[in-house]
N, C-alpha and C. Protein backbone atom coordinates (compact mmCIF):
# COMPACT_ATOMS: atom_id res chain seq x y z
N UNK A 1 113.28 125.77 51.00
CA UNK A 1 113.89 125.04 52.09
C UNK A 1 113.71 125.78 53.41
N UNK A 2 113.87 127.10 53.40
CA UNK A 2 113.70 127.89 54.62
C UNK A 2 112.27 127.83 55.11
N UNK A 3 111.31 127.80 54.19
CA UNK A 3 109.90 127.77 54.60
C UNK A 3 109.55 126.44 55.26
N UNK A 4 110.15 125.35 54.81
CA UNK A 4 109.90 124.03 55.43
C UNK A 4 110.45 124.02 56.85
N UNK A 5 111.67 124.55 57.05
CA UNK A 5 112.26 124.61 58.38
C UNK A 5 111.42 125.50 59.30
N UNK A 6 110.98 126.63 58.79
CA UNK A 6 110.15 127.53 59.59
C UNK A 6 108.82 126.86 59.93
N UNK A 7 108.25 126.16 58.98
CA UNK A 7 106.99 125.45 59.22
C UNK A 7 107.18 124.38 60.29
N UNK A 8 108.24 123.57 60.19
CA UNK A 8 108.52 122.53 61.19
C UNK A 8 108.74 123.14 62.57
N UNK A 9 109.48 124.23 62.63
CA UNK A 9 109.72 124.90 63.91
C UNK A 9 108.41 125.41 64.51
N UNK A 10 107.56 125.99 63.68
CA UNK A 10 106.27 126.48 64.13
C UNK A 10 105.39 125.34 64.66
N UNK A 11 105.39 124.21 63.96
CA UNK A 11 104.59 123.06 64.40
C UNK A 11 105.09 122.51 65.73
N UNK A 12 106.40 122.44 65.90
CA UNK A 12 106.97 121.98 67.17
C UNK A 12 106.59 122.93 68.30
N UNK A 13 106.67 124.21 68.05
CA UNK A 13 106.30 125.21 69.06
C UNK A 13 104.83 125.08 69.44
N UNK A 14 103.96 124.96 68.47
CA UNK A 14 102.52 124.82 68.75
C UNK A 14 102.23 123.54 69.53
N UNK A 15 102.85 122.45 69.11
CA UNK A 15 102.65 121.18 69.80
C UNK A 15 103.14 121.25 71.24
N UNK A 16 104.30 121.84 71.46
CA UNK A 16 104.83 121.92 72.83
C UNK A 16 103.96 122.83 73.71
N UNK A 17 103.44 123.90 73.16
CA UNK A 17 102.54 124.76 73.92
C UNK A 17 101.25 124.03 74.26
N UNK A 18 100.72 123.28 73.31
CA UNK A 18 99.49 122.53 73.55
C UNK A 18 99.68 121.52 74.66
N UNK A 19 100.74 120.73 74.61
CA UNK A 19 100.97 119.70 75.62
C UNK A 19 101.28 120.28 76.99
N UNK A 20 102.01 121.39 77.03
CA UNK A 20 102.35 121.96 78.34
C UNK A 20 101.16 122.65 78.99
N UNK A 21 100.17 123.04 78.22
CA UNK A 21 99.03 123.74 78.80
C UNK A 21 97.98 122.78 79.35
N UNK A 22 98.13 121.51 79.10
CA UNK A 22 97.09 120.55 79.49
C UNK A 22 97.44 119.78 80.75
N UNK A 23 98.45 120.16 81.47
CA UNK A 23 98.80 119.46 82.71
C UNK A 23 100.00 118.56 82.49
N UNK A 24 100.23 117.68 83.45
CA UNK A 24 101.35 116.77 83.40
C UNK A 24 100.88 115.46 82.80
N UNK A 25 101.65 114.94 81.85
CA UNK A 25 101.32 113.66 81.24
C UNK A 25 102.38 112.66 81.61
N UNK A 26 101.95 111.41 81.74
CA UNK A 26 102.91 110.35 82.01
C UNK A 26 102.71 109.28 80.95
N UNK A 27 103.58 108.28 80.95
CA UNK A 27 103.47 107.20 79.99
C UNK A 27 102.21 106.37 80.22
N UNK A 28 101.60 106.46 81.39
CA UNK A 28 100.36 105.73 81.68
C UNK A 28 99.16 106.40 81.05
N UNK A 29 99.33 107.60 80.52
CA UNK A 29 98.21 108.34 79.95
C UNK A 29 97.53 109.23 80.96
N UNK A 30 98.08 109.31 82.15
CA UNK A 30 97.46 110.10 83.22
C UNK A 30 97.59 111.58 82.92
N UNK A 31 96.52 112.31 83.19
CA UNK A 31 96.51 113.76 83.05
C UNK A 31 96.23 114.34 84.43
N UNK A 32 97.24 114.96 84.99
CA UNK A 32 97.16 115.44 86.36
C UNK A 32 97.46 116.94 86.35
N UNK A 33 96.69 117.73 87.09
CA UNK A 33 96.98 119.17 87.13
C UNK A 33 98.44 119.42 87.54
N UNK A 34 99.06 120.39 86.89
CA UNK A 34 100.47 120.67 87.15
C UNK A 34 100.74 121.01 88.61
N UNK A 35 99.77 121.63 89.28
CA UNK A 35 100.00 122.02 90.68
C UNK A 35 99.82 120.86 91.67
N UNK A 36 99.26 119.74 91.22
CA UNK A 36 99.06 118.58 92.10
C UNK A 36 100.40 117.88 92.34
N UNK A 37 100.74 117.71 93.60
CA UNK A 37 102.00 117.08 93.97
C UNK A 37 101.83 115.84 94.82
N UNK A 38 100.65 115.67 95.46
CA UNK A 38 100.47 114.58 96.42
C UNK A 38 99.19 113.80 96.15
N UNK A 39 99.17 112.56 96.63
CA UNK A 39 97.99 111.72 96.58
C UNK A 39 97.83 111.05 97.94
N UNK A 40 96.60 110.94 98.40
CA UNK A 40 96.34 110.20 99.64
C UNK A 40 95.28 109.14 99.36
N UNK A 41 95.56 107.93 99.83
CA UNK A 41 94.63 106.82 99.70
C UNK A 41 94.30 106.36 101.12
N UNK A 42 93.07 106.58 101.52
CA UNK A 42 92.64 106.17 102.86
C UNK A 42 92.35 104.67 102.88
N UNK A 43 92.43 104.08 104.04
CA UNK A 43 92.16 102.66 104.25
C UNK A 43 90.75 102.31 103.79
N UNK A 44 90.61 101.26 103.00
CA UNK A 44 89.31 100.80 102.50
C UNK A 44 88.78 99.71 103.43
N UNK A 45 87.86 100.05 104.36
CA UNK A 45 87.32 99.02 105.26
C UNK A 45 86.48 98.02 104.49
N UNK A 46 86.41 96.81 105.01
CA UNK A 46 85.64 95.75 104.36
C UNK A 46 84.25 95.67 104.99
N UNK A 47 83.25 96.18 104.27
CA UNK A 47 81.87 96.16 104.74
C UNK A 47 81.04 95.11 104.02
N UNK A 48 81.68 94.17 103.34
CA UNK A 48 80.98 93.11 102.63
C UNK A 48 80.44 92.09 103.63
N UNK A 49 79.40 91.36 103.22
CA UNK A 49 78.85 90.32 104.10
C UNK A 49 79.85 89.19 104.31
N UNK A 50 80.54 88.79 103.26
CA UNK A 50 81.60 87.79 103.34
C UNK A 50 82.91 88.55 103.36
N UNK A 51 83.74 88.33 104.38
CA UNK A 51 84.95 89.14 104.57
C UNK A 51 86.20 88.31 104.31
N UNK A 52 87.02 88.79 103.41
CA UNK A 52 88.38 88.28 103.23
C UNK A 52 89.25 89.19 104.10
N UNK A 53 89.88 88.66 105.14
CA UNK A 53 90.59 89.52 106.10
C UNK A 53 91.77 90.30 105.53
N UNK A 54 92.32 89.90 104.40
CA UNK A 54 93.47 90.60 103.82
C UNK A 54 93.08 91.60 102.74
N UNK A 55 91.82 91.60 102.34
CA UNK A 55 91.41 92.38 101.17
C UNK A 55 91.53 93.89 101.39
N UNK A 56 91.19 94.39 102.55
CA UNK A 56 91.27 95.84 102.81
C UNK A 56 92.69 96.36 102.61
N UNK A 57 93.65 95.69 103.22
CA UNK A 57 95.05 96.11 103.06
C UNK A 57 95.51 95.95 101.62
N UNK A 58 95.11 94.87 100.99
CA UNK A 58 95.54 94.59 99.62
C UNK A 58 95.07 95.68 98.67
N UNK A 59 93.79 96.05 98.75
CA UNK A 59 93.25 97.08 97.85
C UNK A 59 93.87 98.45 98.16
N UNK A 60 93.93 98.80 99.43
CA UNK A 60 94.49 100.10 99.81
C UNK A 60 95.92 100.25 99.33
N UNK A 61 96.75 99.25 99.59
CA UNK A 61 98.16 99.32 99.20
C UNK A 61 98.34 99.30 97.67
N UNK A 62 97.57 98.47 96.99
CA UNK A 62 97.70 98.38 95.53
C UNK A 62 97.29 99.69 94.86
N UNK A 63 96.24 100.32 95.37
CA UNK A 63 95.79 101.58 94.80
C UNK A 63 96.83 102.68 95.04
N UNK A 64 97.36 102.75 96.24
CA UNK A 64 98.40 103.72 96.56
C UNK A 64 99.63 103.49 95.67
N UNK A 65 100.05 102.24 95.54
CA UNK A 65 101.22 101.92 94.72
C UNK A 65 101.00 102.32 93.27
N UNK A 66 99.80 102.10 92.74
CA UNK A 66 99.54 102.43 91.34
C UNK A 66 99.69 103.94 91.11
N UNK A 67 99.14 104.75 92.01
CA UNK A 67 99.24 106.20 91.84
C UNK A 67 100.67 106.69 91.99
N UNK A 68 101.42 106.12 92.91
CA UNK A 68 102.80 106.55 93.12
C UNK A 68 103.71 106.07 91.99
N UNK A 69 103.50 104.84 91.52
CA UNK A 69 104.38 104.28 90.49
C UNK A 69 104.07 104.77 89.08
N UNK A 70 102.84 105.18 88.82
CA UNK A 70 102.48 105.57 87.46
C UNK A 70 102.30 107.08 87.28
N UNK A 71 102.60 107.84 88.33
CA UNK A 71 102.55 109.29 88.25
C UNK A 71 103.76 109.86 88.98
N UNK A 72 103.86 111.17 89.00
CA UNK A 72 104.93 111.83 89.74
C UNK A 72 104.47 112.24 91.14
N UNK A 73 103.29 111.83 91.54
CA UNK A 73 102.73 112.22 92.83
C UNK A 73 103.43 111.51 93.98
N UNK A 74 103.52 112.22 95.11
CA UNK A 74 104.06 111.66 96.34
C UNK A 74 102.90 111.25 97.23
N UNK A 75 103.03 110.12 97.89
CA UNK A 75 101.99 109.63 98.79
C UNK A 75 102.06 110.36 100.13
N UNK A 76 100.90 110.82 100.61
CA UNK A 76 100.78 111.41 101.94
C UNK A 76 99.64 110.72 102.67
N UNK A 77 99.68 110.76 103.98
CA UNK A 77 98.69 110.04 104.78
C UNK A 77 97.28 110.62 104.64
N UNK A 78 97.16 111.94 104.55
CA UNK A 78 95.84 112.57 104.48
C UNK A 78 95.91 113.85 103.65
N UNK A 79 94.74 114.28 103.18
CA UNK A 79 94.58 115.57 102.49
C UNK A 79 95.51 115.74 101.30
N UNK A 80 95.64 114.72 100.48
CA UNK A 80 96.43 114.84 99.26
C UNK A 80 95.74 115.75 98.26
N UNK A 81 96.50 116.26 97.32
CA UNK A 81 95.91 117.06 96.25
C UNK A 81 94.89 116.22 95.48
N UNK A 82 95.20 114.95 95.31
CA UNK A 82 94.24 113.97 94.82
C UNK A 82 94.00 113.01 95.98
N UNK A 83 92.74 112.75 96.29
CA UNK A 83 92.44 111.92 97.46
C UNK A 83 91.43 110.85 97.10
N UNK A 84 91.70 109.62 97.58
CA UNK A 84 90.79 108.50 97.36
C UNK A 84 90.41 107.91 98.70
N UNK A 85 89.14 107.59 98.82
CA UNK A 85 88.66 106.87 99.99
C UNK A 85 87.49 106.02 99.55
N UNK A 86 87.12 105.06 100.36
CA UNK A 86 85.99 104.21 100.00
C UNK A 86 85.92 103.00 100.89
N UNK A 87 85.15 102.01 100.44
CA UNK A 87 84.96 100.80 101.21
C UNK A 87 84.67 99.64 100.28
N UNK A 88 84.99 98.45 100.76
CA UNK A 88 84.65 97.23 100.03
C UNK A 88 83.19 96.93 100.37
N UNK A 89 82.35 96.84 99.36
CA UNK A 89 80.92 96.63 99.60
C UNK A 89 80.45 95.24 99.21
N UNK A 90 81.27 94.51 98.47
CA UNK A 90 80.87 93.17 98.06
C UNK A 90 82.05 92.24 97.88
N UNK A 91 81.87 91.01 98.33
CA UNK A 91 82.83 89.94 98.14
C UNK A 91 82.00 88.67 98.11
N UNK A 92 81.80 88.12 96.92
CA UNK A 92 80.89 86.98 96.82
C UNK A 92 81.35 86.00 95.76
N UNK A 93 80.90 84.78 95.92
CA UNK A 93 81.13 83.75 94.93
C UNK A 93 79.78 83.20 94.51
N UNK A 94 79.65 82.91 93.22
CA UNK A 94 78.38 82.41 92.70
C UNK A 94 78.63 81.43 91.57
N UNK A 95 77.73 80.47 91.40
CA UNK A 95 77.89 79.52 90.30
C UNK A 95 77.49 80.15 88.97
N UNK A 96 78.24 79.80 87.94
CA UNK A 96 77.90 80.22 86.58
C UNK A 96 78.12 79.01 85.68
N UNK A 97 77.77 79.09 84.44
CA UNK A 97 77.97 78.02 83.45
C UNK A 97 77.40 76.69 83.96
N UNK A 98 76.10 76.67 84.17
CA UNK A 98 75.41 75.46 84.65
C UNK A 98 75.45 74.39 83.55
N UNK A 99 75.79 73.16 83.95
CA UNK A 99 75.84 72.05 82.99
C UNK A 99 74.48 71.38 82.89
N UNK A 100 74.38 70.39 82.02
CA UNK A 100 73.11 69.70 81.77
C UNK A 100 72.54 69.00 83.00
N UNK A 101 73.38 68.58 83.91
CA UNK A 101 72.87 67.90 85.12
C UNK A 101 72.69 68.86 86.29
N UNK A 102 72.50 70.14 85.97
CA UNK A 102 72.21 71.18 86.97
C UNK A 102 73.33 71.42 87.98
N UNK A 103 74.56 71.21 87.58
CA UNK A 103 75.70 71.56 88.43
C UNK A 103 76.50 72.65 87.72
N UNK A 104 77.21 73.41 88.50
CA UNK A 104 78.00 74.51 87.95
C UNK A 104 79.34 74.00 87.44
N UNK A 105 79.69 74.40 86.22
CA UNK A 105 81.01 74.08 85.68
C UNK A 105 82.03 75.10 86.16
N UNK A 106 81.55 76.32 86.41
CA UNK A 106 82.42 77.40 86.86
C UNK A 106 81.76 78.15 88.01
N UNK A 107 82.60 78.72 88.85
CA UNK A 107 82.16 79.65 89.89
C UNK A 107 82.81 80.99 89.60
N UNK A 108 82.21 82.05 90.11
CA UNK A 108 82.71 83.40 89.88
C UNK A 108 82.91 84.10 91.22
N UNK A 109 84.13 84.61 91.45
CA UNK A 109 84.42 85.44 92.62
C UNK A 109 84.33 86.89 92.18
N UNK A 110 83.49 87.67 92.85
CA UNK A 110 83.28 89.07 92.50
C UNK A 110 83.61 89.95 93.70
N UNK A 111 84.34 91.04 93.43
CA UNK A 111 84.66 92.03 94.46
C UNK A 111 84.15 93.38 93.98
N UNK A 112 83.45 94.09 94.88
CA UNK A 112 82.91 95.41 94.57
C UNK A 112 83.42 96.41 95.60
N UNK A 113 83.86 97.58 95.12
CA UNK A 113 84.30 98.65 96.01
C UNK A 113 83.58 99.94 95.62
N UNK A 114 83.27 100.73 96.61
CA UNK A 114 82.73 102.08 96.39
C UNK A 114 83.87 103.05 96.62
N UNK A 115 84.07 103.97 95.67
CA UNK A 115 85.22 104.88 95.73
C UNK A 115 84.75 106.33 95.65
N UNK A 116 85.33 107.17 96.49
CA UNK A 116 85.14 108.63 96.42
C UNK A 116 86.49 109.25 96.08
N UNK A 117 86.51 110.00 94.98
CA UNK A 117 87.74 110.63 94.51
C UNK A 117 87.56 112.13 94.55
N UNK A 118 88.58 112.81 95.09
CA UNK A 118 88.56 114.27 95.17
C UNK A 118 89.83 114.81 94.54
N UNK A 119 89.65 115.76 93.61
CA UNK A 119 90.76 116.45 92.97
C UNK A 119 90.70 117.90 93.46
N UNK A 120 91.64 118.29 94.29
CA UNK A 120 91.64 119.61 94.91
C UNK A 120 91.71 120.74 93.89
N UNK A 121 92.30 120.47 92.72
CA UNK A 121 92.50 121.53 91.73
C UNK A 121 91.50 121.52 90.58
N UNK A 122 90.71 120.46 90.47
CA UNK A 122 89.72 120.39 89.41
C UNK A 122 88.51 119.61 89.91
N UNK A 123 87.59 120.32 90.55
CA UNK A 123 86.44 119.68 91.17
C UNK A 123 85.52 118.99 90.17
N UNK A 124 85.63 119.33 88.90
CA UNK A 124 84.81 118.65 87.89
C UNK A 124 85.21 117.18 87.74
N UNK A 125 86.39 116.82 88.23
CA UNK A 125 86.89 115.44 88.15
C UNK A 125 86.47 114.60 89.37
N UNK A 126 85.89 115.23 90.40
CA UNK A 126 85.48 114.50 91.59
C UNK A 126 84.38 113.50 91.23
N UNK A 127 84.38 112.35 91.91
CA UNK A 127 83.32 111.37 91.68
C UNK A 127 83.15 110.45 92.87
N UNK A 128 81.99 109.83 92.93
CA UNK A 128 81.75 108.69 93.80
C UNK A 128 81.13 107.63 92.92
N UNK A 129 81.76 106.44 92.90
CA UNK A 129 81.33 105.40 91.98
C UNK A 129 81.65 104.03 92.54
N UNK A 130 80.82 103.07 92.18
CA UNK A 130 81.05 101.68 92.53
C UNK A 130 81.80 101.00 91.39
N UNK A 131 82.82 100.22 91.73
CA UNK A 131 83.61 99.46 90.75
C UNK A 131 83.53 97.99 91.12
N UNK A 132 83.39 97.14 90.13
CA UNK A 132 83.27 95.71 90.38
C UNK A 132 84.09 94.94 89.36
N UNK A 133 84.76 93.91 89.81
CA UNK A 133 85.52 93.02 88.94
C UNK A 133 85.33 91.59 89.42
N UNK A 134 85.55 90.63 88.53
CA UNK A 134 85.39 89.23 88.89
C UNK A 134 86.42 88.37 88.18
N UNK A 135 86.57 87.17 88.69
CA UNK A 135 87.38 86.12 88.06
C UNK A 135 86.61 84.81 88.23
N UNK A 136 86.65 83.99 87.18
CA UNK A 136 85.99 82.69 87.22
C UNK A 136 87.00 81.61 87.56
N UNK A 137 86.51 80.53 88.18
CA UNK A 137 87.36 79.39 88.51
C UNK A 137 86.54 78.11 88.43
N UNK A 138 87.19 76.99 88.14
CA UNK A 138 86.46 75.72 88.00
C UNK A 138 85.75 75.35 89.30
N UNK A 139 84.53 74.85 89.16
CA UNK A 139 83.74 74.51 90.36
C UNK A 139 84.35 73.34 91.13
N UNK A 140 85.21 72.58 90.49
CA UNK A 140 85.87 71.47 91.18
C UNK A 140 86.97 71.93 92.12
N UNK A 141 87.34 73.20 92.05
CA UNK A 141 88.38 73.73 92.94
C UNK A 141 87.73 74.45 94.11
N UNK A 142 88.30 74.27 95.26
CA UNK A 142 87.85 74.95 96.46
C UNK A 142 88.31 76.41 96.40
N UNK A 143 87.43 77.35 96.78
CA UNK A 143 87.77 78.77 96.74
C UNK A 143 89.05 79.05 97.52
N UNK A 144 89.22 78.42 98.66
CA UNK A 144 90.42 78.66 99.48
C UNK A 144 91.71 78.33 98.74
N UNK A 145 91.66 77.37 97.82
CA UNK A 145 92.88 76.97 97.11
C UNK A 145 93.24 77.93 95.97
N UNK A 146 92.26 78.69 95.46
CA UNK A 146 92.52 79.60 94.33
C UNK A 146 92.31 81.07 94.67
N UNK A 147 91.85 81.34 95.86
CA UNK A 147 91.46 82.68 96.27
C UNK A 147 92.57 83.72 96.12
N UNK A 148 93.78 83.40 96.55
CA UNK A 148 94.88 84.38 96.50
C UNK A 148 95.17 84.83 95.08
N UNK A 149 95.21 83.90 94.14
CA UNK A 149 95.49 84.23 92.74
C UNK A 149 94.34 85.04 92.16
N UNK A 150 93.10 84.63 92.44
CA UNK A 150 91.93 85.35 91.93
C UNK A 150 91.88 86.78 92.47
N UNK A 151 92.09 86.93 93.76
CA UNK A 151 92.04 88.25 94.40
C UNK A 151 93.13 89.15 93.84
N UNK A 152 94.31 88.61 93.61
CA UNK A 152 95.41 89.41 93.05
C UNK A 152 95.00 90.01 91.70
N UNK A 153 94.41 89.20 90.82
CA UNK A 153 94.00 89.68 89.51
C UNK A 153 92.83 90.66 89.61
N UNK A 154 91.87 90.35 90.48
CA UNK A 154 90.70 91.23 90.66
C UNK A 154 91.15 92.60 91.18
N UNK A 155 92.03 92.62 92.15
CA UNK A 155 92.51 93.88 92.72
C UNK A 155 93.27 94.68 91.66
N UNK A 156 94.08 94.02 90.87
CA UNK A 156 94.81 94.71 89.79
C UNK A 156 93.82 95.35 88.81
N UNK A 157 92.78 94.62 88.44
CA UNK A 157 91.78 95.15 87.51
C UNK A 157 90.99 96.30 88.13
N UNK A 158 90.61 96.16 89.39
CA UNK A 158 89.88 97.23 90.08
C UNK A 158 90.73 98.50 90.16
N UNK A 159 91.98 98.36 90.54
CA UNK A 159 92.86 99.52 90.67
C UNK A 159 93.04 100.21 89.32
N UNK A 160 93.17 99.43 88.26
CA UNK A 160 93.32 100.02 86.93
C UNK A 160 92.06 100.80 86.55
N UNK A 161 90.89 100.24 86.84
CA UNK A 161 89.63 100.94 86.55
C UNK A 161 89.53 102.24 87.33
N UNK A 162 89.87 102.20 88.61
CA UNK A 162 89.80 103.39 89.46
C UNK A 162 90.80 104.45 88.99
N UNK A 163 92.02 104.03 88.71
CA UNK A 163 93.06 104.93 88.21
C UNK A 163 92.61 105.60 86.92
N UNK A 164 92.08 104.80 85.99
CA UNK A 164 91.61 105.34 84.72
C UNK A 164 90.51 106.37 84.91
N UNK A 165 89.56 106.08 85.78
CA UNK A 165 88.45 107.01 86.03
C UNK A 165 88.98 108.31 86.67
N UNK A 166 89.95 108.17 87.56
CA UNK A 166 90.44 109.33 88.31
C UNK A 166 91.35 110.24 87.49
N UNK A 167 92.28 109.68 86.74
CA UNK A 167 93.28 110.54 86.11
C UNK A 167 93.56 110.29 84.63
N UNK A 168 92.90 109.34 84.02
CA UNK A 168 93.11 109.11 82.60
C UNK A 168 91.87 109.59 81.88
N UNK A 169 92.03 110.56 81.04
CA UNK A 169 90.90 111.17 80.35
C UNK A 169 90.68 110.53 78.99
N UNK A 170 90.03 109.38 78.99
CA UNK A 170 89.77 108.69 77.71
C UNK A 170 88.46 109.16 77.14
């Protein structure tokens, strides 16, 4: 009986040492260096040929909110321990699912952003990468009537992809 208790205590000690040595973990699966306390998300200008005037603010704010809400990091205007910057490089709609009479049954709205991520405490995590997400909508609907809902979902998906690349080590 004493050996089982000693074994359980030893396993708990080993597990706690392992988890504490790997940085800070959150329920989101984020792995952030223990010394990192701040995050900065710079404004994402819209450099796409087709411009949605609200998209820059929407992406910037959603990305900042995701890092603040899913980690223990505090948001700062510049020079965060973790820093994100980038630009919107694409915003386009295109027909997909062509029917027999050569008309589109669906259209696709695609948003692409280029992101530069800097981790002050672990430069091996730094990256520059393009992220793209899309949503389909019926061709009988005007883009203006469905755009807000589509953009909301696209931005959520983009932010999740960026967050995962930056701080979730899958």
